[in-house]
C-alpha atoms as a PDB file:
ATOM      1  CA  UNK A   1       1.821   4.033  20.111  1.00  0.00           C
ATOM      2  CA  UNK A   2      -0.882   4.823  17.546  1.00  0.00           C
ATOM      3  CA  UNK A   3       0.435   4.726  13.962  1.00  0.00           C
ATOM      4  CA  UNK A   4      -1.801   6.780  11.690  1.00  0.00           C
ATOM      5  CA  UNK A   5      -1.524   5.210   8.239  1.00  0.00           C
ATOM      6  CA  UNK A   6      -3.232   5.646   4.848  1.00  0.00           C
ATOM      7  CA  UNK A   7      -3.528   4.233   1.331  1.00  0.00           C
ATOM      8  CA  UNK A   8      -4.406   5.954  -1.959  1.00  0.00           C
ATOM      9  CA  UNK A   9      -4.578   4.518  -5.482  1.00  0.00           C
ATOM     10  CA  UNK A  10      -5.489   5.770  -8.934  1.00  0.00           C
ATOM     11  CA  UNK A  11      -3.499   8.846 -10.014  1.00  0.00           C
ATOM     12  CA  UNK A  12      -3.509   8.550 -13.817  1.00  0.00           C
ATOM     13  CA  UNK A  13      -3.209  12.076 -15.273  1.00  0.00           C
ATOM     14  CA  UNK A  14      -4.155  14.147 -12.230  1.00  0.00           C
ATOM     15  CA  UNK A  15      -2.695  17.674 -12.462  1.00  0.00           C
ATOM     16  CA  UNK A  16      -0.375  19.024  -9.769  1.00  0.00           C
ATOM     17  CA  UNK A  17      -3.160  20.844  -7.911  1.00  0.00           C
ATOM     18  CA  UNK A  18      -5.195  17.653  -7.546  1.00  0.00           C
ATOM     19  CA  UNK A  19      -2.119  15.681  -6.560  1.00  0.00           C
ATOM     20  CA  UNK A  20      -1.366  18.150  -3.770  1.00  0.00           C
ATOM     21  CA  UNK A  21      -4.985  18.017  -2.623  1.00  0.00           C
ATOM     22  CA  UNK A  22      -4.769  14.220  -2.440  1.00  0.00           C
ATOM     23  CA  UNK A  23      -1.498  14.404  -0.490  1.00  0.00           C
ATOM     24  CA  UNK A  24      -2.998  17.015   1.815  1.00  0.00           C
ATOM     25  CA  UNK A  25      -5.886  14.678   2.625  1.00  0.00           C
ATOM     26  CA  UNK A  26      -3.402  11.906   3.361  1.00  0.00           C
ATOM     27  CA  UNK A  27      -1.193  14.136   5.520  1.00  0.00           C
ATOM     28  CA  UNK A  28      -4.144  15.291   7.639  1.00  0.00           C
ATOM     29  CA  UNK A  29      -5.117  11.675   8.362  1.00  0.00           C
ATOM     30  CA  UNK A  30      -1.742   9.947   8.644  1.00  0.00           C
ATOM     31  CA  UNK A  31       2.005  10.175   9.271  1.00  0.00           C
ATOM     32  CA  UNK A  32       2.812   7.430   6.756  1.00  0.00           C
ATOM     33  CA  UNK A  33       1.094   5.868   3.766  1.00  0.00           C
ATOM     34  CA  UNK A  34       1.256   4.311   0.317  1.00  0.00           C
ATOM     35  CA  UNK A  35       0.346   5.901  -3.020  1.00  0.00           C
ATOM     36  CA  UNK A  36       0.115   3.648  -6.079  1.00  0.00           C
ATOM     37  CA  UNK A  37       0.224   4.869  -9.695  1.00  0.00           C
ATOM     38  CA  UNK A  38       2.554   7.599  -8.474  1.00  0.00           C
ATOM     39  CA  UNK A  39       4.088   8.292 -11.885  1.00  0.00           C
ATOM     40  CA  UNK A  40       2.303  10.572 -14.383  1.00  0.00           C
ATOM     41  CA  UNK A  41       1.989   9.303 -17.996  1.00  0.00           C
ATOM     42  CA  UNK A  42       4.487  12.048 -18.882  1.00  0.00           C
ATOM     43  CA  UNK A  43       7.048  10.329 -16.636  1.00  0.00           C
ATOM     44  CA  UNK A  44       6.863  12.896 -13.819  1.00  0.00           C
ATOM     45  CA  UNK A  45       6.993  11.366 -10.332  1.00  0.00           C
ATOM     46  CA  UNK A  46       4.864  12.213  -7.321  1.00  0.00           C
ATOM     47  CA  UNK A  47       6.094  15.398  -5.628  1.00  0.00           C
ATOM     48  CA  UNK A  48       5.942  15.064  -1.834  1.00  0.00           C
ATOM     49  CA  UNK A  49       4.589  17.822   0.366  1.00  0.00           C
ATOM     50  CA  UNK A  50       7.082  19.969   2.251  1.00  0.00           C
ATOM     51  CA  UNK A  51       8.363  18.005   5.233  1.00  0.00           C
ATOM     52  CA  UNK A  52       7.463  14.645   3.685  1.00  0.00           C
ATOM     53  CA  UNK A  53       9.657  12.078   1.953  1.00  0.00           C
ATOM     54  CA  UNK A  54       9.001   9.248  -0.491  1.00  0.00           C
ATOM     55  CA  UNK A  55      10.581   5.991  -1.600  1.00  0.00           C
ATOM     56  CA  UNK A  56       9.763   3.761  -4.551  1.00  0.00           C
ATOM     57  CA  UNK A  57       8.999   3.802  -8.249  1.00  0.00           C
ATOM     58  CA  UNK A  58       5.450   3.324  -9.576  1.00  0.00           C
ATOM     59  CA  UNK A  59       4.259   2.720  -6.015  1.00  0.00           C
ATOM     60  CA  UNK A  60       5.637   5.026  -3.352  1.00  0.00           C
ATOM     61  CA  UNK A  61       5.694   4.891   0.409  1.00  0.00           C
ATOM     62  CA  UNK A  62       5.326   8.425   1.778  1.00  0.00           C
ATOM     63  CA  UNK A  63       6.068   9.566   5.334  1.00  0.00           C
ATOM     64  CA  UNK A  64       6.257  12.627   7.567  1.00  0.00           C
ATOM     65  CA  UNK A  65       9.978  13.294   7.902  1.00  0.00           C
ATOM     66  CA  UNK A  66       9.504  14.962  11.299  1.00  0.00           C
ATOM     67  CA  UNK A  67       8.112  11.679  12.666  1.00  0.00           C
ATOM     68  CA  UNK A  68      10.269   9.001  11.036  1.00  0.00           C
ATOM     69  CA  UNK A  69      13.870   8.171  10.166  1.00  0.00           C
ATOM     70  CA  UNK A  70      14.458   5.902   7.167  1.00  0.00           C
ATOM     71  CA  UNK A  71      16.388   2.759   8.191  1.00  0.00           C
ATOM     72  CA  UNK A  72      16.169   0.711   4.969  1.00  0.00           C
ATOM     73  CA  UNK A  73      14.245   0.579   1.692  1.00  0.00           C
ATOM     74  CA  UNK A  74      14.028  -1.291  -1.603  1.00  0.00           C
ATOM     75  CA  UNK A  75      11.778  -2.213  -4.517  1.00  0.00           C
ATOM     76  CA  UNK A  76      11.270  -5.965  -4.925  1.00  0.00           C
ATOM     77  CA  UNK A  77      10.261  -7.395  -8.304  1.00  0.00           C
ATOM     78  CA  UNK A  78       7.874 -10.370  -8.164  1.00  0.00           C
ATOM     79  CA  UNK A  79       8.061 -12.517 -11.309  1.00  0.00           C
ATOM     80  CA  UNK A  80       4.719 -13.266 -12.986  1.00  0.00           C
ATOM     81  CA  UNK A  81       3.375 -14.747 -16.219  1.00  0.00           C
ATOM     82  CA  UNK A  82       3.012 -12.212 -19.068  1.00  0.00           C
ATOM     83  CA  UNK A  83       0.378  -9.519 -18.564  1.00  0.00           C
ATOM     84  CA  UNK A  84      -0.333  -5.955 -19.671  1.00  0.00           C
ATOM     85  CA  UNK A  85      -0.645  -2.607 -17.913  1.00  0.00           C
ATOM     86  CA  UNK A  86      -2.307  -0.471 -20.547  1.00  0.00           C
ATOM     87  CA  UNK A  87      -0.240  -1.213 -23.652  1.00  0.00           C
ATOM     88  CA  UNK A  88       2.904  -2.127 -21.745  1.00  0.00           C
ATOM     89  CA  UNK A  89       3.904  -5.791 -21.706  1.00  0.00           C
ATOM     90  CA  UNK A  90       4.794  -6.832 -18.154  1.00  0.00           C
ATOM     91  CA  UNK A  91       6.420  -9.901 -16.601  1.00  0.00           C
ATOM     92  CA  UNK A  92       6.603  -8.761 -12.984  1.00  0.00           C
ATOM     93  CA  UNK A  93       4.993  -6.688 -10.229  1.00  0.00           C
ATOM     94  CA  UNK A  94       7.047  -4.204  -8.195  1.00  0.00           C
ATOM     95  CA  UNK A  95       6.563  -4.009  -4.436  1.00  0.00           C
ATOM     96  CA  UNK A  96       7.968  -1.003  -2.578  1.00  0.00           C
ATOM     97  CA  UNK A  97       9.001  -1.395   1.053  1.00  0.00           C
ATOM     98  CA  UNK A  98      10.642   0.778   3.690  1.00  0.00           C
ATOM     99  CA  UNK A  99      11.728   0.267   7.270  1.00  0.00           C
ATOM    100  CA  UNK A 100      11.036   3.390   9.318  1.00  0.00           C
ATOM    101  CA  UNK A 101      12.068   4.216  12.888  1.00  0.00           C
ATOM    102  CA  UNK A 102       9.909   6.603  14.897  1.00  0.00           C
ATOM    103  CA  UNK A 103      12.043   9.511  16.103  1.00  0.00           C
ATOM    104  CA  UNK A 104      10.447   9.804  19.575  1.00  0.00           C
ATOM    105  CA  UNK A 105       9.577   6.226  20.541  1.00  0.00           C
ATOM    106  CA  UNK A 106      12.064   4.175  18.532  1.00  0.00           C
ATOM    107  CA  UNK A 107       9.209   2.029  17.193  1.00  0.00           C
ATOM    108  CA  UNK A 108      10.054   0.387  13.848  1.00  0.00           C
ATOM    109  CA  UNK A 109       7.517   0.088  11.045  1.00  0.00           C
ATOM    110  CA  UNK A 110       7.903  -2.152   8.000  1.00  0.00           C
ATOM    111  CA  UNK A 111       5.646  -0.551   5.368  1.00  0.00           C
ATOM    112  CA  UNK A 112       4.959  -2.132   1.975  1.00  0.00           C
ATOM    113  CA  UNK A 113       2.760  -1.305  -0.996  1.00  0.00           C
ATOM    114  CA  UNK A 114       2.043  -2.299  -4.566  1.00  0.00           C
ATOM    115  CA  UNK A 115      -0.339  -2.418  -7.509  1.00  0.00           C
ATOM    116  CA  UNK A 116      -1.418  -5.849  -8.785  1.00  0.00           C
ATOM    117  CA  UNK A 117      -2.635  -6.603 -12.351  1.00  0.00           C
ATOM    118  CA  UNK A 118      -6.159  -5.509 -13.249  1.00  0.00           C
ATOM    119  CA  UNK A 119      -8.816  -6.735 -15.726  1.00  0.00           C
ATOM    120  CA  UNK A 120      -9.047 -10.175 -14.180  1.00  0.00           C
ATOM    121  CA  UNK A 121     -11.719 -11.276 -16.655  1.00  0.00           C
ATOM    122  CA  UNK A 122      -8.712 -12.027 -18.902  1.00  0.00           C
ATOM    123  CA  UNK A 123      -6.998 -15.318 -18.093  1.00  0.00           C
ATOM    124  CA  UNK A 124      -3.479 -13.887 -18.508  1.00  0.00           C
ATOM    125  CA  UNK A 125      -4.209 -10.975 -16.152  1.00  0.00           C
ATOM    126  CA  UNK A 126      -5.824 -13.274 -13.609  1.00  0.00           C
ATOM    127  CA  UNK A 127      -2.819 -15.633 -13.668  1.00  0.00           C
ATOM    128  CA  UNK A 128      -0.382 -12.754 -13.182  1.00  0.00           C
ATOM    129  CA  UNK A 129      -2.433 -11.302 -10.330  1.00  0.00           C
ATOM    130  CA  UNK A 130      -2.538 -14.662  -8.558  1.00  0.00           C
ATOM    131  CA  UNK A 131       1.207 -15.212  -9.050  1.00  0.00           C
ATOM    132  CA  UNK A 132       1.970 -11.832  -7.489  1.00  0.00           C
ATOM    133  CA  UNK A 133      -0.437 -12.498  -4.629  1.00  0.00           C
ATOM    134  CA  UNK A 134       1.161 -15.904  -3.988  1.00  0.00           C
ATOM    135  CA  UNK A 135       4.631 -14.303  -3.859  1.00  0.00           C
ATOM    136  CA  UNK A 136       3.676 -11.533  -1.426  1.00  0.00           C
ATOM    137  CA  UNK A 137       3.348 -13.757   1.638  1.00  0.00           C
ATOM    138  CA  UNK A 138       6.878 -15.208   1.381  1.00  0.00           C
ATOM    139  CA  UNK A 139       8.292 -11.733   0.664  1.00  0.00           C
ATOM    140  CA  UNK A 140       6.705 -10.271   3.794  1.00  0.00           C
ATOM    141  CA  UNK A 141       7.771 -13.247   5.915  1.00  0.00           C
ATOM    142  CA  UNK A 142      11.381 -12.803   4.727  1.00  0.00           C
ATOM    143  CA  UNK A 143      11.416  -9.061   5.437  1.00  0.00           C
ATOM    144  CA  UNK A 144       9.937  -9.562   8.907  1.00  0.00           C
ATOM    145  CA  UNK A 145      12.586 -12.183   9.669  1.00  0.00           C
ATOM    146  CA  UNK A 146      15.363  -9.891   8.420  1.00  0.00           C
ATOM    147  CA  UNK A 147      14.270  -6.650  10.123  1.00  0.00           C
ATOM    148  CA  UNK A 148      12.151  -7.733  13.128  1.00  0.00           C
ATOM    149  CA  UNK A 149       9.855  -4.670  12.966  1.00  0.00           C
ATOM    150  CA  UNK A 150       7.567  -3.699  15.832  1.00  0.00           C
ATOM    151  CA  UNK A 151       4.683  -3.399  13.371  1.00  0.00           C
ATOM    152  CA  UNK A 152       4.228  -4.436   9.748  1.00  0.00           C
ATOM    153  CA  UNK A 153       1.635  -2.868   7.470  1.00  0.00           C
ATOM    154  CA  UNK A 154       1.084  -3.481   3.765  1.00  0.00           C
ATOM    155  CA  UNK A 155      -1.518  -2.020   1.422  1.00  0.00           C
ATOM    156  CA  UNK A 156      -2.276  -2.767  -2.196  1.00  0.00           C
ATOM    157  CA  UNK A 157      -4.487  -2.080  -5.142  1.00  0.00           C
ATOM    158  CA  UNK A 158      -5.392  -5.771  -5.332  1.00  0.00           C
ATOM    159  CA  UNK A 159      -7.853  -5.374  -8.218  1.00  0.00           C
ATOM    160  CA  UNK A 160     -10.075  -7.967  -6.519  1.00  0.00           C
ATOM    161  CA  UNK A 161     -13.510  -6.991  -5.270  1.00  0.00           C
ATOM    162  CA  UNK A 162     -13.298  -7.650  -1.553  1.00  0.00           C
ATOM    163  CA  UNK A 163     -17.023  -7.218  -1.122  1.00  0.00           C
ATOM    164  CA  UNK A 164     -17.035 -10.889  -2.145  1.00  0.00           C
ATOM    165  CA  UNK A 165     -16.301 -13.438   0.560  1.00  0.00           C
ATOM    166  CA  UNK A 166     -14.557 -15.683  -1.969  1.00  0.00           C
ATOM    167  CA  UNK A 167     -12.036 -12.941  -2.796  1.00  0.00           C
ATOM    168  CA  UNK A 168     -11.396 -12.127   0.859  1.00  0.00           C
ATOM    169  CA  UNK A 169     -10.660 -15.810   1.471  1.00  0.00           C
ATOM    170  CA  UNK A 170      -8.152 -15.862  -1.412  1.00  0.00           C
ATOM    171  CA  UNK A 171      -6.337 -12.843   0.014  1.00  0.00           C
ATOM    172  CA  UNK A 172      -6.309 -14.174   3.571  1.00  0.00           C
ATOM    173  CA  UNK A 173      -4.937 -17.491   2.326  1.00  0.00           C
ATOM    174  CA  UNK A 174      -2.088 -15.710   0.526  1.00  0.00           C
ATOM    175  CA  UNK A 175      -1.035 -13.891   3.724  1.00  0.00           C
ATOM    176  CA  UNK A 176      -1.808 -16.581   6.316  1.00  0.00           C
ATOM    177  CA  UNK A 177       1.833 -17.128   7.286  1.00  0.00           C
ATOM    178  CA  UNK A 178       2.633 -13.447   7.812  1.00  0.00           C
ATOM    179  CA  UNK A 179       0.719 -12.719  11.015  1.00  0.00           C
ATOM    180  CA  UNK A 180      -1.075  -9.836   9.280  1.00  0.00           C
ATOM    181  CA  UNK A 181      -4.829  -9.438   9.362  1.00  0.00           C
ATOM    182  CA  UNK A 182      -6.887  -8.095   6.466  1.00  0.00           C
ATOM    183  CA  UNK A 183      -8.555  -4.686   6.750  1.00  0.00           C
ATOM    184  CA  UNK A 184     -11.190  -3.953   4.106  1.00  0.00           C
ATOM    185  CA  UNK A 185     -12.322  -0.315   3.770  1.00  0.00           C
ATOM    186  CA  UNK A 186     -15.931   0.377   4.776  1.00  0.00           C
ATOM    187  CA  UNK A 187     -16.902   1.814   1.372  1.00  0.00           C
ATOM    188  CA  UNK A 188     -15.925   1.229  -2.231  1.00  0.00           C
ATOM    189  CA  UNK A 189     -12.505   2.467  -3.278  1.00  0.00           C
ATOM    190  CA  UNK A 190     -13.183   2.156  -7.037  1.00  0.00           C
ATOM    191  CA  UNK A 191     -16.807   3.080  -7.617  1.00  0.00           C
ATOM    192  CA  UNK A 192     -18.671   0.558  -5.425  1.00  0.00           C
ATOM    193  CA  UNK A 193     -15.952  -2.099  -5.575  1.00  0.00           C
ATOM    194  CA  UNK A 194     -13.539  -2.528  -2.671  1.00  0.00           C
ATOM    195  CA  UNK A 195     -10.402  -3.361  -4.644  1.00  0.00           C
ATOM    196  CA  UNK A 196      -7.865  -1.713  -2.326  1.00  0.00           C
ATOM    197  CA  UNK A 197      -7.036  -3.203   1.056  1.00  0.00           C
ATOM    198  CA  UNK A 198      -4.579  -3.058   3.938  1.00  0.00           C
ATOM    199  CA  UNK A 199      -3.010  -5.778   6.051  1.00  0.00           C
ATOM    200  CA  UNK A 200      -1.339  -5.118   9.397  1.00  0.00           C
ATOM    201  CA  UNK A 201       0.067  -6.771  12.489  1.00  0.00           C
ATOM    202  CA  UNK A 202      -1.177  -3.849  14.598  1.00  0.00           C
ATOM    203  CA  UNK A 203      -4.399  -3.647  16.576  1.00  0.00           C
ATOM    204  CA  UNK A 204      -6.757  -1.096  15.087  1.00  0.00           C
ATOM    205  CA  UNK A 205     -10.344   0.132  14.914  1.00  0.00           C
ATOM    206  CA  UNK A 206     -12.390   0.324  11.730  1.00  0.00           C
ATOM    207  CA  UNK A 207     -10.776   2.270   8.876  1.00  0.00           C
ATOM    208  CA  UNK A 208     -12.139   5.593   7.678  1.00  0.00           C
ATOM    209  CA  UNK A 209     -12.493   6.854   4.125  1.00  0.00           C
ATOM    210  CA  UNK A 210     -10.570   9.872   2.860  1.00  0.00           C
ATOM    211  CA  UNK A 211     -12.334  12.569   0.807  1.00  0.00           C
ATOM    212  CA  UNK A 212     -12.663  11.933  -2.908  1.00  0.00           C
ATOM    213  CA  UNK A 213     -10.374  13.930  -5.193  1.00  0.00           C
ATOM    214  CA  UNK A 214     -11.186  14.765  -8.812  1.00  0.00           C
ATOM    215  CA  UNK A 215      -9.121  12.934 -11.436  1.00  0.00           C
ATOM    216  CA  UNK A 216      -8.447  10.078  -8.980  1.00  0.00           C
ATOM    217  CA  UNK A 217     -10.667   7.118  -9.813  1.00  0.00           C
ATOM    218  CA  UNK A 218      -9.954   5.502  -6.426  1.00  0.00           C
ATOM    219  CA  UNK A 219     -10.879   6.768  -2.982  1.00  0.00           C
ATOM    220  CA  UNK A 220      -8.261   6.555  -0.249  1.00  0.00           C
ATOM    221  CA  UNK A 221      -8.698   5.353   3.317  1.00  0.00           C
ATOM    222  CA  UNK A 222      -6.866   5.618   6.635  1.00  0.00           C
ATOM    223  CA  UNK A 223      -6.396   3.511   9.767  1.00  0.00           C
ATOM    224  CA  UNK A 224      -5.010   3.920  13.280  1.00  0.00           C
ATOM    225  CA  UNK A 225      -2.894   0.897  14.186  1.00  0.00           C
ATOM    226  CA  UNK A 226      -1.713   0.281  17.767  1.00  0.00           C
ATOM    227  CA  UNK A 227       1.771  -1.087  18.397  1.00  0.00           C
ATOM    228  CA  UNK A 228       4.544  -0.973  21.000  1.00  0.00           C
ATOM    229  CA  UNK A 229       8.328  -1.110  20.506  1.00  0.00           C
ATOM    230  CA  UNK A 230       9.471  -4.664  21.282  1.00  0.00           C
ATOM    231  CA  UNK A 231      12.201  -3.375  23.605  1.00  0.00           C
ATOM    232  CA  UNK A 232       9.540  -1.685  25.745  1.00  0.00           C
ATOM    233  CA  UNK A 233       7.058  -4.564  25.741  1.00  0.00           C
END
């Protein structure tokens, strides 16, 4: 089965029309995805398109309800040293995950997403980002052991420029025990920097970029991951 998947970051204060345009782009390219910064500064949450569902808080997993049944979901809090998101003092990073079951094939997908601390030129932000990154591998390993999914995919606003080999090595090291391989988008997701990335256990071709949307300072991307239900393998 081909799982069409996508990732989008950077909502900030986008009005409803731009939000729906972003979700429309995602829905045309994928049947499941992750949207970070999915809460407006006013407190309003992302409104899914008709026929789609969401799970999560600041980061949401979104999926086509005609394609998937929800089997399990949660938001895990990864403890970090003190850091700031805007003016908010933070001591953790939230990771949203869902377990989905494909209605036609029975294939199970473990899908995770999150938004790691930015502004890594500050020592406190860099320490918090690294702590969250170090905790992600064990979290994914635990969830895979608990749910035995047919395919696992995770995507994040890592706030690390993956154009740099040194940063790609850091990320690969953090996930080396998970069985997931790193997929870096072909073009910059935040200006020229590639700070968003996806990791998956599925086999897939090169990712493709989604159209830019005004008021979103990140550009989304999509992949097609190949996987088979374990029972049918």
